[in-house]
PDB file of N, CA and C in Angstrom:
ATOM      1  N   MET A   1      10.187  -4.757   8.467  1.00  0.00           N
ATOM      2  CA  MET A   1       9.530  -4.659   7.116  1.00  0.00           C
ATOM      3  C   MET A   1       8.930  -5.954   6.564  1.00  0.00           C
ATOM      4  N   PHE A   2       8.206  -5.552   5.710  1.00  0.00           N
ATOM      5  CA  PHE A   2       7.769  -6.743   4.886  1.00  0.00           C
ATOM      6  C   PHE A   2       7.223  -6.266   3.525  1.00  0.00           C
ATOM      7  N   LYS A   3       7.236  -7.184   2.467  1.00  0.00           N
ATOM      8  CA  LYS A   3       6.949  -6.975   1.111  1.00  0.00           C
ATOM      9  C   LYS A   3       5.974  -7.611   0.514  1.00  0.00           C
ATOM     10  N   ASP A   4       5.043  -7.023  -0.387  1.00  0.00           N
ATOM     11  CA  ASP A   4       4.000  -7.838  -1.041  1.00  0.00           C
ATOM     12  C   ASP A   4       4.555  -7.831  -2.464  1.00  0.00           C
ATOM     13  N   VAL A   5       4.453  -8.920  -3.098  1.00  0.00           N
ATOM     14  CA  VAL A   5       4.773  -9.058  -4.498  1.00  0.00           C
ATOM     15  C   VAL A   5       3.751  -9.976  -5.292  1.00  0.00           C
ATOM     16  N   MET A   6       3.137  -9.113  -6.206  1.00  0.00           N
ATOM     17  CA  MET A   6       2.104  -9.818  -7.062  1.00  0.00           C
ATOM     18  C   MET A   6       2.694 -11.027  -7.847  1.00  0.00           C
ATOM     19  N   LEU A   7       2.053 -12.117  -7.843  1.00  0.00           N
ATOM     20  CA  LEU A   7       2.710 -13.168  -8.556  1.00  0.00           C
ATOM     21  C   LEU A   7       1.755 -13.221  -9.862  1.00  0.00           C
ATOM     22  N   LYS A   8       0.535 -12.928  -9.617  1.00  0.00           N
ATOM     23  CA  LYS A   8      -0.416 -13.165 -10.789  1.00  0.00           C
ATOM     24  C   LYS A   8      -1.395 -11.968 -10.447  1.00  0.00           C
ATOM     25  N   GLY A   9      -1.783 -11.283 -11.680  1.00  0.00           N
ATOM     26  CA  GLY A   9      -2.634 -10.047 -11.547  1.00  0.00           C
ATOM     27  C   GLY A   9      -2.702  -9.263 -12.875  1.00  0.00           C
ATOM     28  N   THR A  10      -3.380  -8.066 -12.482  1.00  0.00           N
ATOM     29  CA  THR A  10      -3.507  -7.420 -13.697  1.00  0.00           C
ATOM     30  C   THR A  10      -2.370  -6.457 -14.012  1.00  0.00           C
ATOM     31  N   PHE A  11      -1.370  -6.056 -13.213  1.00  0.00           N
ATOM     32  CA  PHE A  11      -0.111  -5.480 -13.637  1.00  0.00           C
ATOM     33  C   PHE A  11       0.889  -6.483 -14.101  1.00  0.00           C
ATOM     34  N   LYS A  12       1.766  -5.830 -14.737  1.00  0.00           N
ATOM     35  CA  LYS A  12       2.896  -6.769 -15.372  1.00  0.00           C
ATOM     36  C   LYS A  12       3.842  -7.264 -14.227  1.00  0.00           C
ATOM     37  N   SER A  13       3.735  -6.351 -13.414  1.00  0.00           N
ATOM     38  CA  SER A  13       4.664  -6.628 -11.935  1.00  0.00           C
ATOM     39  C   SER A  13       4.190  -5.659 -11.007  1.00  0.00           C
ATOM     40  N   MET A  14       4.287  -5.963  -9.757  1.00  0.00           N
ATOM     41  CA  MET A  14       3.803  -5.056  -8.563  1.00  0.00           C
ATOM     42  C   MET A  14       4.919  -5.632  -7.216  1.00  0.00           C
ATOM     43  N   HIS A  15       5.402  -4.472  -6.690  1.00  0.00           N
ATOM     44  CA  HIS A  15       6.088  -4.823  -5.494  1.00  0.00           C
ATOM     45  C   HIS A  15       5.680  -3.674  -4.561  1.00  0.00           C
ATOM     46  N   HIS A  16       5.483  -3.986  -3.280  1.00  0.00           N
ATOM     47  CA  HIS A  16       5.015  -3.008  -2.234  1.00  0.00           C
ATOM     48  C   HIS A  16       5.582  -3.336  -1.012  1.00  0.00           C
ATOM     49  N   THR A  17       6.690  -2.558  -0.737  1.00  0.00           N
ATOM     50  CA  THR A  17       7.456  -2.697   0.466  1.00  0.00           C
ATOM     51  C   THR A  17       6.890  -1.576   1.496  1.00  0.00           C
ATOM     52  N   HIS A  18       6.643  -2.319   2.776  1.00  0.00           N
ATOM     53  CA  HIS A  18       6.475  -1.417   4.028  1.00  0.00           C
ATOM     54  C   HIS A  18       7.538  -1.649   5.071  1.00  0.00           C
ATOM     55  N   SER A  19       8.097  -0.510   5.316  1.00  0.00           N
ATOM     56  CA  SER A  19       8.983  -0.368   6.493  1.00  0.00           C
ATOM     57  C   SER A  19       8.612   0.561   7.506  1.00  0.00           C
ATOM     58  N   PHE A  20       9.188   0.408   8.816  1.00  0.00           N
ATOM     59  CA  PHE A  20       8.822   0.837   9.868  1.00  0.00           C
ATOM     60  C   PHE A  20      10.038   1.516  10.706  1.00  0.00           C
ATOM     61  N   GLU A  21       9.761   2.644  11.310  1.00  0.00           N
ATOM     62  CA  GLU A  21      11.084   3.220  12.034  1.00  0.00           C
ATOM     63  C   GLU A  21      10.486   3.964  13.053  1.00  0.00           C
ATOM     64  N   GLU A  22      11.407   4.057  14.234  1.00  0.00           N
ATOM     65  CA  GLU A  22      10.796   4.836  15.279  1.00  0.00           C
ATOM     66  C   GLU A  22      11.418   6.193  15.287  1.00  0.00           C
ATOM     67  N   GLU A  23      10.722   7.214  15.709  1.00  0.00           N
ATOM     68  CA  GLU A  23      11.105   8.629  15.648  1.00  0.00           C
ATOM     69  C   GLU A  23      10.594   9.394  16.667  1.00  0.00           C
ATOM     70  N   ASN A  24      11.396   9.683  17.790  1.00  0.00           N
ATOM     71  CA  ASN A  24      10.790  10.484  18.848  1.00  0.00           C
ATOM     72  C   ASN A  24       9.610  10.068  19.464  1.00  0.00           C
ATOM     73  N   ASP A  25       9.431   8.872  19.742  1.00  0.00           N
ATOM     74  CA  ASP A  25       8.449   7.853  20.296  1.00  0.00           C
ATOM     75  C   ASP A  25       7.421   7.738  19.441  1.00  0.00           C
ATOM     76  N   PHE A  26       7.293   7.916  18.115  1.00  0.00           N
ATOM     77  CA  PHE A  26       6.457   7.765  17.134  1.00  0.00           C
ATOM     78  C   PHE A  26       6.886   6.546  16.138  1.00  0.00           C
ATOM     79  N   THR A  27       6.044   5.885  15.649  1.00  0.00           N
ATOM     80  CA  THR A  27       6.202   4.888  14.495  1.00  0.00           C
ATOM     81  C   THR A  27       5.905   5.502  13.177  1.00  0.00           C
ATOM     82  N   ILE A  28       6.802   5.452  12.382  1.00  0.00           N
ATOM     83  CA  ILE A  28       6.933   5.993  10.943  1.00  0.00           C
ATOM     84  C   ILE A  28       6.943   4.834   9.827  1.00  0.00           C
ATOM     85  N   MET A  29       5.869   4.755   9.290  1.00  0.00           N
ATOM     86  CA  MET A  29       5.663   3.956   8.183  1.00  0.00           C
ATOM     87  C   MET A  29       5.992   4.407   6.944  1.00  0.00           C
ATOM     88  N   ASN A  30       6.767   3.707   6.187  1.00  0.00           N
ATOM     89  CA  ASN A  30       7.263   4.064   4.798  1.00  0.00           C
ATOM     90  C   ASN A  30       6.840   3.002   3.718  1.00  0.00           C
ATOM     91  N   ASP A  31       6.183   3.505   2.822  1.00  0.00           N
ATOM     92  CA  ASP A  31       5.629   2.444   1.696  1.00  0.00           C
ATOM     93  C   ASP A  31       6.347   2.881   0.355  1.00  0.00           C
ATOM     94  N   VAL A  32       6.760   1.791  -0.351  1.00  0.00           N
ATOM     95  CA  VAL A  32       7.495   1.976  -1.495  1.00  0.00           C
ATOM     96  C   VAL A  32       6.676   1.078  -2.522  1.00  0.00           C
ATOM     97  N   PHE A  33       5.998   1.712  -3.400  1.00  0.00           N
ATOM     98  CA  PHE A  33       5.246   1.194  -4.241  1.00  0.00           C
ATOM     99  C   PHE A  33       5.728   1.221  -5.813  1.00  0.00           C
ATOM    100  N   GLU A  34       6.056   0.088  -6.296  1.00  0.00           N
ATOM    101  CA  GLU A  34       6.655  -0.070  -7.756  1.00  0.00           C
ATOM    102  C   GLU A  34       5.591  -0.983  -8.534  1.00  0.00           C
ATOM    103  N   PHE A  35       5.258  -0.641  -9.735  1.00  0.00           N
ATOM    104  CA  PHE A  35       4.394  -1.445 -10.603  1.00  0.00           C
ATOM    105  C   PHE A  35       4.806  -1.070 -11.990  1.00  0.00           C
ATOM    106  N   GLU A  36       4.517  -2.076 -12.770  1.00  0.00           N
ATOM    107  CA  GLU A  36       4.632  -1.855 -14.267  1.00  0.00           C
ATOM    108  C   GLU A  36       3.332  -2.426 -14.908  1.00  0.00           C
ATOM    109  N   SER A  37       2.832  -1.532 -15.678  1.00  0.00           N
ATOM    110  CA  SER A  37       1.754  -1.784 -16.555  1.00  0.00           C
ATOM    111  C   SER A  37       1.734  -2.948 -17.568  1.00  0.00           C
ATOM    112  N   PRO A  38       0.665  -3.592 -17.868  1.00  0.00           N
ATOM    113  CA  PRO A  38       0.823  -4.607 -18.977  1.00  0.00           C
ATOM    114  C   PRO A  38       0.517  -3.705 -20.301  1.00  0.00           C
ATOM    115  N   LEU A  39       0.667  -4.303 -21.458  1.00  0.00           N
ATOM    116  CA  LEU A  39       0.041  -3.822 -22.786  1.00  0.00           C
ATOM    117  C   LEU A  39       1.530  -2.792 -23.367  1.00  0.00           C
ATOM    118  N   GLY A  40       2.617  -2.899 -22.724  1.00  0.00           N
ATOM    119  CA  GLY A  40       3.772  -2.152 -23.303  1.00  0.00           C
ATOM    120  C   GLY A  40       3.505  -0.613 -23.326  1.00  0.00           C
ATOM    121  N   PHE A  41       3.652  -0.195 -24.599  1.00  0.00           N
ATOM    122  CA  PHE A  41       3.716   1.362 -24.704  1.00  0.00           C
ATOM    123  C   PHE A  41       2.167   1.878 -24.443  1.00  0.00           C
ATOM    124  N   LEU A  42       1.017   1.063 -24.751  1.00  0.00           N
ATOM    125  CA  LEU A  42      -0.070   1.505 -24.150  1.00  0.00           C
ATOM    126  C   LEU A  42      -0.379   1.827 -22.753  1.00  0.00           C
ATOM    127  N   GLY A  43       0.380   0.641 -22.053  1.00  0.00           N
ATOM    128  CA  GLY A  43       0.416   0.566 -20.529  1.00  0.00           C
ATOM    129  C   GLY A  43       0.989   2.034 -19.999  1.00  0.00           C
ATOM    130  N   LYS A  44       2.327   2.050 -20.623  1.00  0.00           N
ATOM    131  CA  LYS A  44       3.021   3.248 -20.311  1.00  0.00           C
ATOM    132  C   LYS A  44       2.365   4.391 -20.359  1.00  0.00           C
ATOM    133  N   ILE A  45       1.378   4.651 -21.425  1.00  0.00           N
ATOM    134  CA  ILE A  45       0.525   5.880 -21.510  1.00  0.00           C
ATOM    135  C   ILE A  45      -0.488   5.907 -20.156  1.00  0.00           C
ATOM    136  N   ALA A  46      -0.817   4.724 -20.239  1.00  0.00           N
ATOM    137  CA  ALA A  46      -1.951   4.762 -19.057  1.00  0.00           C
ATOM    138  C   ALA A  46      -1.553   5.036 -17.675  1.00  0.00           C
ATOM    139  N   GLU A  47      -0.062   4.735 -17.351  1.00  0.00           N
ATOM    140  CA  GLU A  47       0.421   5.151 -16.110  1.00  0.00           C
ATOM    141  C   GLU A  47       0.748   6.658 -16.183  1.00  0.00           C
ATOM    142  N   VAL A  48       0.976   7.123 -17.025  1.00  0.00           N
ATOM    143  CA  VAL A  48       1.349   8.725 -17.044  1.00  0.00           C
ATOM    144  C   VAL A  48      -0.051   9.421 -16.725  1.00  0.00           C
ATOM    145  N   LEU A  49      -1.049   9.110 -17.547  1.00  0.00           N
ATOM    146  CA  LEU A  49      -2.183   9.679 -17.592  1.00  0.00           C
ATOM    147  C   LEU A  49      -3.195   9.412 -16.561  1.00  0.00           C
ATOM    148  N   PHE A  50      -3.122   8.327 -15.760  1.00  0.00           N
ATOM    149  CA  PHE A  50      -3.805   8.247 -14.677  1.00  0.00           C
ATOM    150  C   PHE A  50      -3.702   7.009 -13.654  1.00  0.00           C
ATOM    151  N   LEU A  51      -2.754   5.986 -14.005  1.00  0.00           N
ATOM    152  CA  LEU A  51      -2.524   4.991 -13.077  1.00  0.00           C
ATOM    153  C   LEU A  51      -1.510   5.696 -11.786  1.00  0.00           C
ATOM    154  N   LYS A  52      -0.706   6.372 -12.069  1.00  0.00           N
ATOM    155  CA  LYS A  52       0.262   6.695 -10.901  1.00  0.00           C
ATOM    156  C   LYS A  52      -0.421   7.661  -9.966  1.00  0.00           C
ATOM    157  N   LYS A  53      -1.580   8.541 -10.431  1.00  0.00           N
ATOM    158  CA  LYS A  53      -2.306   9.353  -9.566  1.00  0.00           C
ATOM    159  C   LYS A  53      -3.304   8.417  -8.800  1.00  0.00           C
ATOM    160  N   TYR A  54      -3.913   7.451  -9.663  1.00  0.00           N
ATOM    161  CA  TYR A  54      -4.958   6.736  -8.895  1.00  0.00           C
ATOM    162  C   TYR A  54      -4.338   5.707  -7.864  1.00  0.00           C
ATOM    163  N   MET A  55      -3.162   5.280  -8.031  1.00  0.00           N
ATOM    164  CA  MET A  55      -2.364   4.239  -7.040  1.00  0.00           C
ATOM    165  C   MET A  55      -1.870   5.072  -5.695  1.00  0.00           C
ATOM    166  N   THR A  56      -1.299   6.446  -5.991  1.00  0.00           N
ATOM    167  CA  THR A  56      -1.012   7.151  -5.017  1.00  0.00           C
ATOM    168  C   THR A  56      -2.124   7.584  -4.258  1.00  0.00           C
ATOM    169  N   ASN A  57      -3.303   7.857  -4.661  1.00  0.00           N
ATOM    170  CA  ASN A  57      -4.453   8.321  -4.043  1.00  0.00           C
ATOM    171  C   ASN A  57      -5.027   6.969  -3.177  1.00  0.00           C
ATOM    172  N   PHE A  58      -4.989   5.902  -3.817  1.00  0.00           N
ATOM    173  CA  PHE A  58      -5.462   4.640  -3.042  1.00  0.00           C
ATOM    174  C   PHE A  58      -4.385   4.177  -1.939  1.00  0.00           C
ATOM    175  N   LEU A  59      -3.177   4.616  -1.953  1.00  0.00           N
ATOM    176  CA  LEU A  59      -2.310   4.272  -0.971  1.00  0.00           C
ATOM    177  C   LEU A  59      -2.545   5.304   0.251  1.00  0.00           C
ATOM    178  N   VAL A  60      -2.693   6.515  -0.120  1.00  0.00           N
ATOM    179  CA  VAL A  60      -2.822   7.635   0.823  1.00  0.00           C
ATOM    180  C   VAL A  60      -4.307   7.280   1.736  1.00  0.00           C
ATOM    181  N   LYS A  61      -5.330   6.992   1.154  1.00  0.00           N
ATOM    182  CA  LYS A  61      -6.549   6.595   1.734  1.00  0.00           C
ATOM    183  C   LYS A  61      -6.497   5.489   2.699  1.00  0.00           C
ATOM    184  N   LYS A  62      -5.646   4.426   2.116  1.00  0.00           N
ATOM    185  CA  LYS A  62      -5.338   3.047   2.914  1.00  0.00           C
ATOM    186  C   LYS A  62      -4.667   3.463   4.164  1.00  0.00           C
ATOM    187  N   ASN A  63      -3.554   4.028   4.001  1.00  0.00           N
ATOM    188  CA  ASN A  63      -2.708   4.697   5.026  1.00  0.00           C
ATOM    189  C   ASN A  63      -3.326   5.305   6.135  1.00  0.00           C
ATOM    190  N   GLN A  64      -4.486   6.404   5.506  1.00  0.00           N
ATOM    191  CA  GLN A  64      -4.867   7.237   6.542  1.00  0.00           C
ATOM    192  C   GLN A  64      -6.059   6.194   7.484  1.00  0.00           C
ATOM    193  N   ASN A  65      -6.608   5.249   6.912  1.00  0.00           N
ATOM    194  CA  ASN A  65      -7.562   4.188   7.433  1.00  0.00           C
ATOM    195  C   ASN A  65      -6.548   3.417   8.476  1.00  0.00           C
ATOM    196  N   LEU A  66      -5.654   3.042   7.968  1.00  0.00           N
ATOM    197  CA  LEU A  66      -4.856   2.293   8.792  1.00  0.00           C
ATOM    198  C   LEU A  66      -4.184   3.059  10.016  1.00  0.00           C
ATOM    199  N   LYS A  67      -3.909   4.334   9.890  1.00  0.00           N
ATOM    200  CA  LYS A  67      -3.626   5.177  10.954  1.00  0.00           C
ATOM    201  C   LYS A  67      -4.730   5.334  11.969  1.00  0.00           C
ATOM    202  N   GLU A  68      -5.977   5.354  11.407  1.00  0.00           N
ATOM    203  CA  GLU A  68      -7.105   5.588  12.262  1.00  0.00           C
ATOM    204  C   GLU A  68      -7.361   4.516  13.322  1.00  0.00           C
ATOM    205  N   VAL A  69      -7.145   3.261  12.563  1.00  0.00           N
ATOM    206  CA  VAL A  69      -7.302   2.128  13.410  1.00  0.00           C
ATOM    207  C   VAL A  69      -6.560   1.889  14.272  1.00  0.00           C
ATOM    208  N   ALA A  70      -4.989   2.129  14.002  1.00  0.00           N
ATOM    209  CA  ALA A  70      -3.871   1.856  14.737  1.00  0.00           C
ATOM    210  C   ALA A  70      -3.998   2.908  15.994  1.00  0.00           C
ATOM    211  N   GLU A  71      -4.436   4.083  15.878  1.00  0.00           N
ATOM    212  CA  GLU A  71      -4.453   5.057  17.120  1.00  0.00           C
ATOM    213  C   GLU A  71      -5.666   4.957  17.869  1.00  0.00           C
ATOM    214  N   SER A  72      -6.634   4.041  17.659  1.00  0.00           N
ATOM    215  CA  SER A  72      -7.835   3.940  18.310  1.00  0.00           C
ATOM    216  C   SER A  72      -7.897   2.458  18.880  1.00  0.00           C
ATOM    217  N   ASN A  73      -8.880   2.283  19.498  1.00  0.00           N
ATOM    218  CA  ASN A  73      -9.249   0.851  19.970  1.00  0.00           C
ATOM    219  C   ASN A  73      -9.712  -0.218  18.831  1.00  0.00           C
ATOM    220  N   GLN A  74      -9.913   0.407  17.800  1.00  0.00           N
ATOM    221  CA  GLN A  74     -10.493  -0.292  16.727  1.00  0.00           C
ATOM    222  C   GLN A  74      -9.639  -1.762  16.434  1.00  0.00           C
ATOM    223  N   TRP A  75      -8.341  -1.546  16.687  1.00  0.00           N
ATOM    224  CA  TRP A  75      -7.403  -2.521  16.189  1.00  0.00           C
ATOM    225  C   TRP A  75      -7.696  -3.821  17.193  1.00  0.00           C
ATOM    226  N   LYS A  76      -8.151  -3.706  18.323  1.00  0.00           N
ATOM    227  CA  LYS A  76      -8.372  -4.717  19.381  1.00  0.00           C
ATOM    228  C   LYS A  76      -9.642  -5.627  18.892  1.00  0.00           C
ATOM    229  N   THR A  77     -10.551  -4.565  18.444  1.00  0.00           N
ATOM    230  CA  THR A  77     -11.789  -5.382  17.806  1.00  0.00           C
ATOM    231  C   THR A  77     -11.473  -6.218  16.479  1.00  0.00           C
ATOM    232  N   LEU A  78     -10.565  -5.677  15.628  1.00  0.00           N
ATOM    233  CA  LEU A  78     -10.329  -6.474  14.468  1.00  0.00           C
ATOM    234  C   LEU A  78      -9.377  -7.636  14.482  1.00  0.00           C
ATOM    235  N   LEU A  79      -8.556  -7.531  15.550  1.00  0.00           N
ATOM    236  CA  LEU A  79      -7.549  -8.536  16.024  1.00  0.00           C
ATOM    237  C   LEU A  79      -8.453  -9.701  16.542  1.00  0.00           C
ATOM    238  N   ASN A  80      -9.247  -9.409  17.481  1.00  0.00           N
ATOM    239  CA  ASN A  80     -10.135 -10.467  18.223  1.00  0.00           C
ATOM    240  C   ASN A  80     -11.038 -11.288  17.107  1.00  0.00           C
ATOM    241  N   GLU A  81     -11.604 -10.456  16.076  1.00  0.00           N
ATOM    242  CA  GLU A  81     -12.478 -10.967  14.977  1.00  0.00           C
ATOM    243  C   GLU A  81     -11.685 -12.081  14.451  1.00  0.00           C
ATOM    244  N   ASN A  82     -10.336 -11.608  13.966  1.00  0.00           N
ATOM    245  CA  ASN A  82      -9.571 -12.661  13.219  1.00  0.00           C
ATOM    246  C   ASN A  82      -9.120 -13.498  13.953  1.00  0.00           C
ATOM    247  N   LEU A  83      -9.056 -13.577  15.321  1.00  0.00           N
ATOM    248  CA  LEU A  83      -8.517 -14.887  15.925  1.00  0.00           C
ATOM    249  C   LEU A  83      -9.595 -15.873  16.309  1.00  0.00           C
ATOM    250  N   ASP A  84     -10.881 -15.302  16.164  1.00  0.00           N
ATOM    251  CA  ASP A  84     -12.081 -16.174  16.357  1.00  0.00           C
ATOM    252  C   ASP A  84     -12.292 -17.228  15.384  1.00  0.00           C
TER     253      ASP A  84
END
């Protein structure tokens, strides 16, 4: 498990926890994403109107890309690029 915590940025607060478990010879990744918008009441309205949906779609796309890389040989290329 590892956790991303926003120290400074757009949101009032943001915590993103990644955990992994093995199930039937597969690795299951779980994401818990918690955030609080700035601007008090106006931020809460933005959360309800569009931010929750936007952030959910963002995480789904990110995780689809991660899955594609992890299940192919792409991860080897990326790892080698970062080691050079």
